[in-house]
Amino acid sequence: MPDNNARLIRFDGGPMVDPVPGKPKQPLTGDASFLSVKAFDHPKARAGVWESTAGAFQADNAGYIEFGYIVDGGCRLVDPDGAVHELAAGDAFVMPEGYAGRWEVDRYVKKIYFISLTR
């Protein structure tokens, strides 16, 4: 049943308030560190802002689909077959469920994300 009292949730890619620090679960090179803020959290979906410093790390989208929009900096997403996708501010992308490529961040990247849980 729809929630008739649901309200729009707004957020932007500007400075984060009370970000949560993190590290890659599967680092490959460098010493990347993350900051993130969840703007929306639901049993089937979540959205927020995420940023990473330099490093390379494995992506593992087991159990979810992710839409991302780069708001600052840049990176490369490298598919398992070696195809390289250069991403910069203004670029949008979707990582399908099961995506197992890798992130390569030379300096810094910041994205707005929306995740739909599939399990």
PDB file of N, CA and C in Angstrom:
ATOM      1  N   MET A   1       0.843  -1.174   0.000  1.00  0.00           N
ATOM      2  CA  MET A   1       0.000   0.000   0.000  1.00  0.00           C
ATOM      3  C   MET A   1       0.889   1.238   0.000  1.00  0.00           C
ATOM      4  N   PRO A   2       0.638   2.191  -0.876  1.00  0.00           N
ATOM      5  CA  PRO A   2       1.458   3.399  -0.922  1.00  0.00           C
ATOM      6  C   PRO A   2       1.306   4.241   0.344  1.00  0.00           C
ATOM      7  N   ASP A   3       2.395   4.918   0.671  1.00  0.00           N
ATOM      8  CA  ASP A   3       2.393   5.835   1.806  1.00  0.00           C
ATOM      9  C   ASP A   3       1.958   7.202   1.309  1.00  0.00           C
ATOM     10  N   ASN A   4       0.743   7.612   1.636  1.00  0.00           N
ATOM     11  CA  ASN A   4       0.225   8.899   1.174  1.00  0.00           C
ATOM     12  C   ASN A   4       0.894  10.089   1.837  1.00  0.00           C
ATOM     13  N   ASN A   5       1.722   9.825   2.849  1.00  0.00           N
ATOM     14  CA  ASN A   5       2.452  10.893   3.516  1.00  0.00           C
ATOM     15  C   ASN A   5       3.920  10.925   3.095  1.00  0.00           C
ATOM     16  N   ALA A   6       4.288  10.166   2.061  1.00  0.00           N
ATOM     17  CA  ALA A   6       5.674  10.152   1.599  1.00  0.00           C
ATOM     18  C   ALA A   6       6.076  11.535   1.116  1.00  0.00           C
ATOM     19  N   ARG A   7       7.329  11.897   1.373  1.00  0.00           N
ATOM     20  CA  ARG A   7       7.834  13.211   1.004  1.00  0.00           C
ATOM     21  C   ARG A   7       9.046  13.061   0.108  1.00  0.00           C
ATOM     22  N   LEU A   8       9.249  14.019  -0.764  1.00  0.00           N
ATOM     23  CA  LEU A   8      10.415  14.056  -1.627  1.00  0.00           C
ATOM     24  C   LEU A   8      11.676  14.163  -0.781  1.00  0.00           C
ATOM     25  N   ILE A   9      12.708  13.469  -1.186  1.00  0.00           N
ATOM     26  CA  ILE A   9      13.989  13.534  -0.497  1.00  0.00           C
ATOM     27  C   ILE A   9      14.978  14.207  -1.431  1.00  0.00           C
ATOM     28  N   ARG A  10      15.536  15.328  -0.992  1.00  0.00           N
ATOM     29  CA  ARG A  10      16.491  16.067  -1.810  1.00  0.00           C
ATOM     30  C   ARG A  10      17.875  15.965  -1.196  1.00  0.00           C
ATOM     31  N   PHE A  11      18.865  15.849  -2.071  1.00  0.00           N
ATOM     32  CA  PHE A  11      20.258  15.899  -1.630  1.00  0.00           C
ATOM     33  C   PHE A  11      21.104  16.298  -2.823  1.00  0.00           C
ATOM     34  N   ASP A  12      22.313  16.769  -2.567  1.00  0.00           N
ATOM     35  CA  ASP A  12      23.179  17.170  -3.667  1.00  0.00           C
ATOM     36  C   ASP A  12      24.575  16.627  -3.449  1.00  0.00           C
ATOM     37  N   GLY A  13      25.422  16.873  -4.413  1.00  0.00           N
ATOM     38  CA  GLY A  13      26.788  16.370  -4.358  1.00  0.00           C
ATOM     39  C   GLY A  13      27.771  17.350  -3.761  1.00  0.00           C
ATOM     40  N   GLY A  14      27.269  18.342  -3.038  1.00  0.00           N
ATOM     41  CA  GLY A  14      28.142  19.322  -2.395  1.00  0.00           C
ATOM     42  C   GLY A  14      28.839  18.740  -1.176  1.00  0.00           C
ATOM     43  N   PRO A  15      29.327  19.601  -0.305  1.00  0.00           N
ATOM     44  CA  PRO A  15      30.021  19.120   0.897  1.00  0.00           C
ATOM     45  C   PRO A  15      29.131  18.178   1.715  1.00  0.00           C
ATOM     46  N   MET A  16      29.710  17.091   2.174  1.00  0.00           N
ATOM     47  CA  MET A  16      28.960  16.104   2.955  1.00  0.00           C
ATOM     48  C   MET A  16      28.900  16.513   4.423  1.00  0.00           C
ATOM     49  N   VAL A  17      27.772  16.238   5.034  1.00  0.00           N
ATOM     50  CA  VAL A  17      27.585  16.504   6.454  1.00  0.00           C
ATOM     51  C   VAL A  17      27.631  15.159   7.188  1.00  0.00           C
ATOM     52  N   ASP A  18      28.513  15.045   8.151  1.00  0.00           N
ATOM     53  CA  ASP A  18      28.686  13.823   8.953  1.00  0.00           C
ATOM     54  C   ASP A  18      28.882  12.576   8.088  1.00  0.00           C
ATOM     55  N   PRO A  19      29.887  12.582   7.171  1.00  0.00           N
ATOM     56  CA  PRO A  19      30.100  11.405   6.333  1.00  0.00           C
ATOM     57  C   PRO A  19      30.642  10.222   7.140  1.00  0.00           C
ATOM     58  N   VAL A  20      30.374   9.044   6.635  1.00  0.00           N
ATOM     59  CA  VAL A  20      30.857   7.804   7.243  1.00  0.00           C
ATOM     60  C   VAL A  20      32.107   7.368   6.471  1.00  0.00           C
ATOM     61  N   PRO A  21      33.236   7.164   7.170  1.00  0.00           N
ATOM     62  CA  PRO A  21      34.451   6.726   6.470  1.00  0.00           C
ATOM     63  C   PRO A  21      34.393   5.233   6.152  1.00  0.00           C
ATOM     64  N   GLY A  22      35.145   4.838   5.128  1.00  0.00           N
ATOM     65  CA  GLY A  22      35.220   3.431   4.772  1.00  0.00           C
ATOM     66  C   GLY A  22      36.453   3.139   3.949  1.00  0.00           C
ATOM     67  N   LYS A  23      36.672   1.865   3.692  1.00  0.00           N
ATOM     68  CA  LYS A  23      37.790   1.380   2.889  1.00  0.00           C
ATOM     69  C   LYS A  23      37.253   0.319   1.935  1.00  0.00           C
ATOM     70  N   PRO A  24      37.937   0.087   0.817  1.00  0.00           N
ATOM     71  CA  PRO A  24      37.499  -0.965  -0.097  1.00  0.00           C
ATOM     72  C   PRO A  24      37.550  -2.347   0.568  1.00  0.00           C
ATOM     73  N   LYS A  25      36.563  -3.173   0.251  1.00  0.00           N
ATOM     74  CA  LYS A  25      36.565  -4.555   0.753  1.00  0.00           C
ATOM     75  C   LYS A  25      37.597  -5.396   0.016  1.00  0.00           C
ATOM     76  N   GLN A  26      37.846  -5.037  -1.260  1.00  0.00           N
ATOM     77  CA  GLN A  26      38.801  -5.787  -2.074  1.00  0.00           C
ATOM     78  C   GLN A  26      39.780  -4.822  -2.750  1.00  0.00           C
ATOM     79  N   PRO A  27      40.727  -4.253  -1.967  1.00  0.00           N
ATOM     80  CA  PRO A  27      41.689  -3.319  -2.567  1.00  0.00           C
ATOM     81  C   PRO A  27      42.634  -4.050  -3.519  1.00  0.00           C
ATOM     82  N   LEU A  28      43.053  -3.347  -4.568  1.00  0.00           N
ATOM     83  CA  LEU A  28      44.007  -3.917  -5.523  1.00  0.00           C
ATOM     84  C   LEU A  28      45.343  -3.182  -5.462  1.00  0.00           C
ATOM     85  N   THR A  29      45.313  -1.854  -5.559  1.00  0.00           N
ATOM     86  CA  THR A  29      46.530  -1.046  -5.433  1.00  0.00           C
ATOM     87  C   THR A  29      46.190   0.247  -4.708  1.00  0.00           C
ATOM     88  N   GLY A  30      47.213   0.873  -4.130  1.00  0.00           N
ATOM     89  CA  GLY A  30      47.015   2.148  -3.455  1.00  0.00           C
ATOM     90  C   GLY A  30      46.367   1.974  -2.097  1.00  0.00           C
ATOM     91  N   ASP A  31      45.950   3.100  -1.535  1.00  0.00           N
ATOM     92  CA  ASP A  31      45.353   3.108  -0.200  1.00  0.00           C
ATOM     93  C   ASP A  31      44.077   3.953  -0.228  1.00  0.00           C
ATOM     94  N   ALA A  32      43.140   3.572  -1.088  1.00  0.00           N
ATOM     95  CA  ALA A  32      41.899   4.336  -1.234  1.00  0.00           C
ATOM     96  C   ALA A  32      41.120   4.377   0.068  1.00  0.00           C
ATOM     97  N   SER A  33      40.485   5.505   0.305  1.00  0.00           N
ATOM     98  CA  SER A  33      39.557   5.624   1.433  1.00  0.00           C
ATOM     99  C   SER A  33      38.284   6.279   0.918  1.00  0.00           C
ATOM    100  N   PHE A  34      37.172   5.946   1.557  1.00  0.00           N
ATOM    101  CA  PHE A  34      35.863   6.415   1.135  1.00  0.00           C
ATOM    102  C   PHE A  34      35.249   7.316   2.187  1.00  0.00           C
ATOM    103  N   LEU A  35      34.350   8.188   1.745  1.00  0.00           N
ATOM    104  CA  LEU A  35      33.415   8.898   2.604  1.00  0.00           C
ATOM    105  C   LEU A  35      32.058   8.748   1.956  1.00  0.00           C
ATOM    106  N   SER A  36      31.019   8.544   2.759  1.00  0.00           N
ATOM    107  CA  SER A  36      29.675   8.410   2.188  1.00  0.00           C
ATOM    108  C   SER A  36      28.618   8.937   3.144  1.00  0.00           C
ATOM    109  N   VAL A  37      27.521   9.358   2.543  1.00  0.00           N
ATOM    110  CA  VAL A  37      26.351   9.805   3.296  1.00  0.00           C
ATOM    111  C   VAL A  37      25.133   9.194   2.624  1.00  0.00           C
ATOM    112  N   LYS A  38      24.331   8.465   3.389  1.00  0.00           N
ATOM    113  CA  LYS A  38      23.072   7.942   2.853  1.00  0.00           C
ATOM    114  C   LYS A  38      22.004   9.010   2.991  1.00  0.00           C
ATOM    115  N   ALA A  39      21.304   9.257   1.890  1.00  0.00           N
ATOM    116  CA  ALA A  39      20.209  10.222   1.905  1.00  0.00           C
ATOM    117  C   ALA A  39      18.864   9.508   1.980  1.00  0.00           C
ATOM    118  N   PHE A  40      18.854   8.240   1.569  1.00  0.00           N
ATOM    119  CA  PHE A  40      17.626   7.448   1.524  1.00  0.00           C
ATOM    120  C   PHE A  40      17.992   6.007   1.822  1.00  0.00           C
ATOM    121  N   ASP A  41      17.257   5.394   2.741  1.00  0.00           N
ATOM    122  CA  ASP A  41      17.514   4.002   3.098  1.00  0.00           C
ATOM    123  C   ASP A  41      16.182   3.291   3.259  1.00  0.00           C
ATOM    124  N   HIS A  42      15.977   2.268   2.451  1.00  0.00           N
ATOM    125  CA  HIS A  42      14.725   1.525   2.397  1.00  0.00           C
ATOM    126  C   HIS A  42      15.091   0.043   2.306  1.00  0.00           C
ATOM    127  N   PRO A  43      14.225  -0.853   2.715  1.00  0.00           N
ATOM    128  CA  PRO A  43      14.566  -2.277   2.619  1.00  0.00           C
ATOM    129  C   PRO A  43      14.919  -2.749   1.198  1.00  0.00           C
ATOM    130  N   LYS A  44      14.442  -2.045   0.160  1.00  0.00           N
ATOM    131  CA  LYS A  44      14.709  -2.481  -1.210  1.00  0.00           C
ATOM    132  C   LYS A  44      15.588  -1.525  -2.011  1.00  0.00           C
ATOM    133  N   ALA A  45      15.949  -0.379  -1.442  1.00  0.00           N
ATOM    134  CA  ALA A  45      16.733   0.603  -2.190  1.00  0.00           C
ATOM    135  C   ALA A  45      17.441   1.553  -1.241  1.00  0.00           C
ATOM    136  N   ARG A  46      18.488   2.193  -1.764  1.00  0.00           N
ATOM    137  CA  ARG A  46      19.179   3.240  -1.000  1.00  0.00           C
ATOM    138  C   ARG A  46      19.811   4.223  -1.966  1.00  0.00           C
ATOM    139  N   ALA A  47      20.063   5.418  -1.487  1.00  0.00           N
ATOM    140  CA  ALA A  47      20.673   6.454  -2.312  1.00  0.00           C
ATOM    141  C   ALA A  47      21.532   7.351  -1.433  1.00  0.00           C
ATOM    142  N   GLY A  48      22.507   7.996  -2.058  1.00  0.00           N
ATOM    143  CA  GLY A  48      23.358   8.889  -1.297  1.00  0.00           C
ATOM    144  C   GLY A  48      24.495   9.436  -2.126  1.00  0.00           C
ATOM    145  N   VAL A  49      25.521   9.890  -1.408  1.00  0.00           N
ATOM    146  CA  VAL A  49      26.717  10.462  -2.011  1.00  0.00           C
ATOM    147  C   VAL A  49      27.910   9.672  -1.500  1.00  0.00           C
ATOM    148  N   TRP A  50      28.840   9.380  -2.394  1.00  0.00           N
ATOM    149  CA  TRP A  50      30.026   8.579  -2.068  1.00  0.00           C
ATOM    150  C   TRP A  50      31.225   9.199  -2.758  1.00  0.00           C
ATOM    151  N   GLU A  51      32.373   9.176  -2.089  1.00  0.00           N
ATOM    152  CA  GLU A  51      33.605   9.646  -2.717  1.00  0.00           C
ATOM    153  C   GLU A  51      34.760   8.737  -2.337  1.00  0.00           C
ATOM    154  N   SER A  52      35.775   8.737  -3.201  1.00  0.00           N
ATOM    155  CA  SER A  52      36.953   7.902  -2.982  1.00  0.00           C
ATOM    156  C   SER A  52      38.213   8.682  -3.320  1.00  0.00           C
ATOM    157  N   THR A  53      39.262   8.413  -2.554  1.00  0.00           N
ATOM    158  CA  THR A  53      40.587   8.920  -2.884  1.00  0.00           C
ATOM    159  C   THR A  53      41.262   7.909  -3.808  1.00  0.00           C
ATOM    160  N   ALA A  54      42.506   8.182  -4.186  1.00  0.00           N
ATOM    161  CA  ALA A  54      43.232   7.375  -5.166  1.00  0.00           C
ATOM    162  C   ALA A  54      43.410   5.928  -4.739  1.00  0.00           C
ATOM    163  N   GLY A  55      43.281   5.046  -5.737  1.00  0.00           N
ATOM    164  CA  GLY A  55      43.508   3.620  -5.537  1.00  0.00           C
ATOM    165  C   GLY A  55      42.710   2.817  -6.539  1.00  0.00           C
ATOM    166  N   ALA A  56      42.966   1.532  -6.575  1.00  0.00           N
ATOM    167  CA  ALA A  56      42.196   0.618  -7.422  1.00  0.00           C
ATOM    168  C   ALA A  56      41.602  -0.448  -6.521  1.00  0.00           C
ATOM    169  N   PHE A  57      40.357  -0.805  -6.805  1.00  0.00           N
ATOM    170  CA  PHE A  57      39.669  -1.783  -5.972  1.00  0.00           C
ATOM    171  C   PHE A  57      38.602  -2.491  -6.790  1.00  0.00           C
ATOM    172  N   GLN A  58      38.300  -3.691  -6.368  1.00  0.00           N
ATOM    173  CA  GLN A  58      37.338  -4.542  -7.056  1.00  0.00           C
ATOM    174  C   GLN A  58      35.909  -4.111  -6.770  1.00  0.00           C
ATOM    175  N   ALA A  59      35.068  -4.095  -7.803  1.00  0.00           N
ATOM    176  CA  ALA A  59      33.627  -3.896  -7.628  1.00  0.00           C
ATOM    177  C   ALA A  59      32.988  -5.271  -7.525  1.00  0.00           C
ATOM    178  N   ASP A  60      31.959  -5.382  -6.715  1.00  0.00           N
ATOM    179  CA  ASP A  60      31.241  -6.655  -6.583  1.00  0.00           C
ATOM    180  C   ASP A  60      29.774  -6.335  -6.332  1.00  0.00           C
ATOM    181  N   ASN A  61      29.001  -6.229  -7.396  1.00  0.00           N
ATOM    182  CA  ASN A  61      27.591  -5.866  -7.283  1.00  0.00           C
ATOM    183  C   ASN A  61      26.713  -7.104  -7.130  1.00  0.00           C
ATOM    184  N   ALA A  62      27.068  -7.967  -6.228  1.00  0.00           N
ATOM    185  CA  ALA A  62      26.244  -9.147  -5.956  1.00  0.00           C
ATOM    186  C   ALA A  62      25.021  -8.700  -5.158  1.00  0.00           C
ATOM    187  N   GLY A  63      23.838  -8.939  -5.705  1.00  0.00           N
ATOM    188  CA  GLY A  63      22.610  -8.634  -4.983  1.00  0.00           C
ATOM    189  C   GLY A  63      22.045  -7.247  -5.187  1.00  0.00           C
ATOM    190  N   TYR A  64      22.641  -6.463  -6.095  1.00  0.00           N
ATOM    191  CA  TYR A  64      22.081  -5.135  -6.339  1.00  0.00           C
ATOM    192  C   TYR A  64      22.483  -4.581  -7.701  1.00  0.00           C
ATOM    193  N   ILE A  65      21.693  -3.612  -8.165  1.00  0.00           N
ATOM    194  CA  ILE A  65      21.951  -2.842  -9.374  1.00  0.00           C
ATOM    195  C   ILE A  65      22.233  -1.417  -8.907  1.00  0.00           C
ATOM    196  N   GLU A  66      23.233  -0.783  -9.487  1.00  0.00           N
ATOM    197  CA  GLU A  66      23.571   0.583  -9.075  1.00  0.00           C
ATOM    198  C   GLU A  66      23.581   1.557 -10.254  1.00  0.00           C
ATOM    199  N   PHE A  67      22.888   2.677 -10.074  1.00  0.00           N
ATOM    200  CA  PHE A  67      22.978   3.822 -10.971  1.00  0.00           C
ATOM    201  C   PHE A  67      23.911   4.819 -10.298  1.00  0.00           C
ATOM    202  N   GLY A  68      24.839   5.383 -11.059  1.00  0.00           N
ATOM    203  CA  GLY A  68      25.736   6.389 -10.517  1.00  0.00           C
ATOM    204  C   GLY A  68      25.841   7.592 -11.424  1.00  0.00           C
ATOM    205  N   TYR A  69      26.121   8.743 -10.825  1.00  0.00           N
ATOM    206  CA  TYR A  69      26.304   9.992 -11.562  1.00  0.00           C
ATOM    207  C   TYR A  69      27.519  10.695 -10.952  1.00  0.00           C
ATOM    208  N   ILE A  70      28.565  10.870 -11.750  1.00  0.00           N
ATOM    209  CA  ILE A  70      29.796  11.492 -11.258  1.00  0.00           C
ATOM    210  C   ILE A  70      29.567  13.002 -11.134  1.00  0.00           C
ATOM    211  N   VAL A  71      29.812  13.535  -9.942  1.00  0.00           N
ATOM    212  CA  VAL A  71      29.622  14.970  -9.717  1.00  0.00           C
ATOM    213  C   VAL A  71      30.938  15.731  -9.598  1.00  0.00           C
ATOM    214  N   ASP A  72      32.045  15.018  -9.346  1.00  0.00           N
ATOM    215  CA  ASP A  72      33.340  15.683  -9.207  1.00  0.00           C
ATOM    216  C   ASP A  72      34.441  14.662  -9.432  1.00  0.00           C
ATOM    217  N   GLY A  73      35.552  15.134  -9.966  1.00  0.00           N
ATOM    218  CA  GLY A  73      36.690  14.252 -10.185  1.00  0.00           C
ATOM    219  C   GLY A  73      36.452  13.307 -11.347  1.00  0.00           C
ATOM    220  N   GLY A  74      37.117  12.165 -11.291  1.00  0.00           N
ATOM    221  CA  GLY A  74      36.986  11.196 -12.358  1.00  0.00           C
ATOM    222  C   GLY A  74      37.596   9.866 -11.973  1.00  0.00           C
ATOM    223  N   CYS A  75      37.327   8.869 -12.801  1.00  0.00           N
ATOM    224  CA  CYS A  75      37.833   7.523 -12.551  1.00  0.00           C
ATOM    225  C   CYS A  75      37.676   6.695 -13.816  1.00  0.00           C
ATOM    226  N   ARG A  76      38.109   5.461 -13.721  1.00  0.00           N
ATOM    227  CA  ARG A  76      37.864   4.485 -14.769  1.00  0.00           C
ATOM    228  C   ARG A  76      37.162   3.293 -14.122  1.00  0.00           C
ATOM    229  N   LEU A  77      36.171   2.767 -14.821  1.00  0.00           N
ATOM    230  CA  LEU A  77      35.605   1.475 -14.463  1.00  0.00           C
ATOM    231  C   LEU A  77      36.071   0.514 -15.547  1.00  0.00           C
ATOM    232  N   VAL A  78      36.693  -0.579 -15.132  1.00  0.00           N
ATOM    233  CA  VAL A  78      37.246  -1.549 -16.069  1.00  0.00           C
ATOM    234  C   VAL A  78      36.429  -2.824 -15.968  1.00  0.00           C
ATOM    235  N   ASP A  79      35.788  -3.190 -17.088  1.00  0.00           N
ATOM    236  CA  ASP A  79      34.976  -4.402 -17.132  1.00  0.00           C
ATOM    237  C   ASP A  79      35.855  -5.650 -16.978  1.00  0.00           C
ATOM    238  N   PRO A  80      35.266  -6.759 -16.568  1.00  0.00           N
ATOM    239  CA  PRO A  80      36.037  -7.998 -16.446  1.00  0.00           C
ATOM    240  C   PRO A  80      36.744  -8.404 -17.748  1.00  0.00           C
ATOM    241  N   ASP A  81      36.200  -8.017 -18.913  1.00  0.00           N
ATOM    242  CA  ASP A  81      36.842  -8.362 -20.190  1.00  0.00           C
ATOM    243  C   ASP A  81      37.929  -7.359 -20.587  1.00  0.00           C
ATOM    244  N   GLY A  82      38.184  -6.338 -19.737  1.00  0.00           N
ATOM    245  CA  GLY A  82      39.234  -5.366 -19.996  1.00  0.00           C
ATOM    246  C   GLY A  82      38.771  -4.068 -20.624  1.00  0.00           C
ATOM    247  N   ALA A  83      37.506  -3.956 -21.038  1.00  0.00           N
ATOM    248  CA  ALA A  83      37.001  -2.701 -21.603  1.00  0.00           C
ATOM    249  C   ALA A  83      37.083  -1.606 -20.538  1.00  0.00           C
ATOM    250  N   VAL A  84      37.621  -0.457 -20.932  1.00  0.00           N
ATOM    251  CA  VAL A  84      37.837   0.654 -20.000  1.00  0.00           C
ATOM    252  C   VAL A  84      36.815   1.753 -20.268  1.00  0.00           C
ATOM    253  N   HIS A  85      36.165   2.229 -19.206  1.00  0.00           N
ATOM    254  CA  HIS A  85      35.178   3.304 -19.285  1.00  0.00           C
ATOM    255  C   HIS A  85      35.680   4.487 -18.471  1.00  0.00           C
ATOM    256  N   GLU A  86      36.104   5.547 -19.160  1.00  0.00           N
ATOM    257  CA  GLU A  86      36.542   6.778 -18.490  1.00  0.00           C
ATOM    258  C   GLU A  86      35.296   7.538 -18.045  1.00  0.00           C
ATOM    259  N   LEU A  87      35.243   7.907 -16.777  1.00  0.00           N
ATOM    260  CA  LEU A  87      34.100   8.642 -16.244  1.00  0.00           C
ATOM    261  C   LEU A  87      34.581   9.947 -15.618  1.00  0.00           C
ATOM    262  N   ALA A  88      33.860  11.026 -15.906  1.00  0.00           N
ATOM    263  CA  ALA A  88      34.184  12.343 -15.361  1.00  0.00           C
ATOM    264  C   ALA A  88      32.885  13.023 -14.947  1.00  0.00           C
ATOM    265  N   ALA A  89      33.019  14.173 -14.304  1.00  0.00           N
ATOM    266  CA  ALA A  89      31.841  14.911 -13.840  1.00  0.00           C
ATOM    267  C   ALA A  89      30.833  15.059 -14.975  1.00  0.00           C
ATOM    268  N   GLY A  90      29.576  14.724 -14.677  1.00  0.00           N
ATOM    269  CA  GLY A  90      28.505  14.788 -15.652  1.00  0.00           C
ATOM    270  C   GLY A  90      28.171  13.453 -16.293  1.00  0.00           C
ATOM    271  N   ASP A  91      29.000  12.431 -16.071  1.00  0.00           N
ATOM    272  CA  ASP A  91      28.752  11.112 -16.652  1.00  0.00           C
ATOM    273  C   ASP A  91      27.875  10.260 -15.736  1.00  0.00           C
ATOM    274  N   ALA A  92      26.945   9.560 -16.356  1.00  0.00           N
ATOM    275  CA  ALA A  92      26.061   8.631 -15.635  1.00  0.00           C
ATOM    276  C   ALA A  92      26.363   7.212 -16.092  1.00  0.00           C
ATOM    277  N   PHE A  93      26.099   6.234 -15.230  1.00  0.00           N
ATOM    278  CA  PHE A  93      26.366   4.837 -15.564  1.00  0.00           C
ATOM    279  C   PHE A  93      25.466   3.925 -14.744  1.00  0.00           C
ATOM    280  N   VAL A  94      25.338   2.687 -15.203  1.00  0.00           N
ATOM    281  CA  VAL A  94      24.634   1.642 -14.464  1.00  0.00           C
ATOM    282  C   VAL A  94      25.550   0.429 -14.378  1.00  0.00           C
ATOM    283  N   MET A  95      25.726  -0.075 -13.170  1.00  0.00           N
ATOM    284  CA  MET A  95      26.431  -1.337 -12.961  1.00  0.00           C
ATOM    285  C   MET A  95      25.361  -2.391 -12.681  1.00  0.00           C
ATOM    286  N   PRO A  96      25.185  -3.355 -13.600  1.00  0.00           N
ATOM    287  CA  PRO A  96      24.138  -4.360 -13.408  1.00  0.00           C
ATOM    288  C   PRO A  96      24.472  -5.320 -12.272  1.00  0.00           C
ATOM    289  N   GLU A  97      23.467  -6.027 -11.827  1.00  0.00           N
ATOM    290  CA  GLU A  97      23.690  -7.029 -10.784  1.00  0.00           C
ATOM    291  C   GLU A  97      24.775  -7.996 -11.250  1.00  0.00           C
ATOM    292  N   GLY A  98      25.690  -8.291 -10.348  1.00  0.00           N
ATOM    293  CA  GLY A  98      26.775  -9.208 -10.653  1.00  0.00           C
ATOM    294  C   GLY A  98      27.989  -8.559 -11.285  1.00  0.00           C
ATOM    295  N   TYR A  99      27.943  -7.244 -11.534  1.00  0.00           N
ATOM    296  CA  TYR A  99      29.095  -6.560 -12.137  1.00  0.00           C
ATOM    297  C   TYR A  99      30.313  -6.773 -11.254  1.00  0.00           C
ATOM    298  N   ALA A 100      31.410  -7.234 -11.869  1.00  0.00           N
ATOM    299  CA  ALA A 100      32.623  -7.544 -11.105  1.00  0.00           C
ATOM    300  C   ALA A 100      33.850  -6.916 -11.750  1.00  0.00           C
ATOM    301  N   GLY A 101      33.705  -5.678 -12.223  1.00  0.00           N
ATOM    302  CA  GLY A 101      34.850  -4.955 -12.768  1.00  0.00           C
ATOM    303  C   GLY A 101      35.667  -4.351 -11.651  1.00  0.00           C
ATOM    304  N   ARG A 102      36.459  -3.356 -12.005  1.00  0.00           N
ATOM    305  CA  ARG A 102      37.255  -2.685 -10.969  1.00  0.00           C
ATOM    306  C   ARG A 102      37.219  -1.181 -11.167  1.00  0.00           C
ATOM    307  N   TRP A 103      37.342  -0.481 -10.045  1.00  0.00           N
ATOM    308  CA  TRP A 103      37.457   0.969 -10.026  1.00  0.00           C
ATOM    309  C   TRP A 103      38.937   1.325 -10.059  1.00  0.00           C
ATOM    310  N   GLU A 104      39.291   2.328 -10.859  1.00  0.00           N
ATOM    311  CA  GLU A 104      40.636   2.892 -10.857  1.00  0.00           C
ATOM    312  C   GLU A 104      40.494   4.400 -10.678  1.00  0.00           C
ATOM    313  N   VAL A 105      40.937   4.889  -9.539  1.00  0.00           N
ATOM    314  CA  VAL A 105      40.822   6.313  -9.205  1.00  0.00           C
ATOM    315  C   VAL A 105      42.236   6.873  -9.111  1.00  0.00           C
ATOM    316  N   ASP A 106      42.556   7.815  -9.983  1.00  0.00           N
ATOM    317  CA  ASP A 106      43.906   8.402  -9.970  1.00  0.00           C
ATOM    318  C   ASP A 106      44.083   9.408  -8.844  1.00  0.00           C
ATOM    319  N   ARG A 107      43.083  10.253  -8.602  1.00  0.00           N
ATOM    320  CA  ARG A 107      43.173  11.265  -7.550  1.00  0.00           C
ATOM    321  C   ARG A 107      41.952  11.232  -6.631  1.00  0.00           C
ATOM    322  N   TYR A 108      40.761  11.415  -7.248  1.00  0.00           N
ATOM    323  CA  TYR A 108      39.557  11.606  -6.456  1.00  0.00           C
ATOM    324  C   TYR A 108      38.340  11.450  -7.361  1.00  0.00           C
ATOM    325  N   VAL A 109      37.272  10.874  -6.824  1.00  0.00           N
ATOM    326  CA  VAL A 109      36.006  10.796  -7.542  1.00  0.00           C
ATOM    327  C   VAL A 109      34.868  10.906  -6.538  1.00  0.00           C
ATOM    328  N   LYS A 110      33.782  11.553  -6.962  1.00  0.00           N
ATOM    329  CA  LYS A 110      32.593  11.694  -6.116  1.00  0.00           C
ATOM    330  C   LYS A 110      31.364  11.404  -6.973  1.00  0.00           C
ATOM    331  N   LYS A 111      30.461  10.597  -6.448  1.00  0.00           N
ATOM    332  CA  LYS A 111      29.256  10.235  -7.201  1.00  0.00           C
ATOM    333  C   LYS A 111      28.020  10.320  -6.329  1.00  0.00           C
ATOM    334  N   ILE A 112      26.900  10.534  -6.991  1.00  0.00           N
ATOM    335  CA  ILE A 112      25.588  10.338  -6.394  1.00  0.00           C
ATOM    336  C   ILE A 112      25.145   8.962  -6.870  1.00  0.00           C
ATOM    337  N   TYR A 113      24.599   8.164  -5.974  1.00  0.00           N
ATOM    338  CA  TYR A 113      24.224   6.803  -6.355  1.00  0.00           C
ATOM    339  C   TYR A 113      22.794   6.472  -5.946  1.00  0.00           C
ATOM    340  N   PHE A 114      22.237   5.518  -6.673  1.00  0.00           N
ATOM    341  CA  PHE A 114      20.962   4.898  -6.312  1.00  0.00           C
ATOM    342  C   PHE A 114      21.140   3.399  -6.489  1.00  0.00           C
ATOM    343  N   ILE A 115      20.850   2.649  -5.451  1.00  0.00           N
ATOM    344  CA  ILE A 115      21.013   1.203  -5.465  1.00  0.00           C
ATOM    345  C   ILE A 115      19.639   0.548  -5.286  1.00  0.00           C
ATOM    346  N   SER A 116      19.360  -0.412  -6.167  1.00  0.00           N
ATOM    347  CA  SER A 116      18.140  -1.220  -6.066  1.00  0.00           C
ATOM    348  C   SER A 116      18.575  -2.638  -5.687  1.00  0.00           C
ATOM    349  N   LEU A 117      18.122  -3.074  -4.511  1.00  0.00           N
ATOM    350  CA  LEU A 117      18.490  -4.413  -4.049  1.00  0.00           C
ATOM    351  C   LEU A 117      17.685  -5.462  -4.804  1.00  0.00           C
ATOM    352  N   THR A 118      18.349  -6.526  -5.213  1.00  0.00           N
ATOM    353  CA  THR A 118      17.694  -7.562  -5.993  1.00  0.00           C
ATOM    354  C   THR A 118      17.463  -8.839  -5.186  1.00  0.00           C
ATOM    355  N   ARG A 119      17.943  -8.874  -3.996  1.00  0.00           N
ATOM    356  CA  ARG A 119      17.760 -10.056  -3.131  1.00  0.00           C
ATOM    357  C   ARG A 119      17.057  -9.673  -1.864  1.00  0.00           C
TER     358      ARG A 119
END
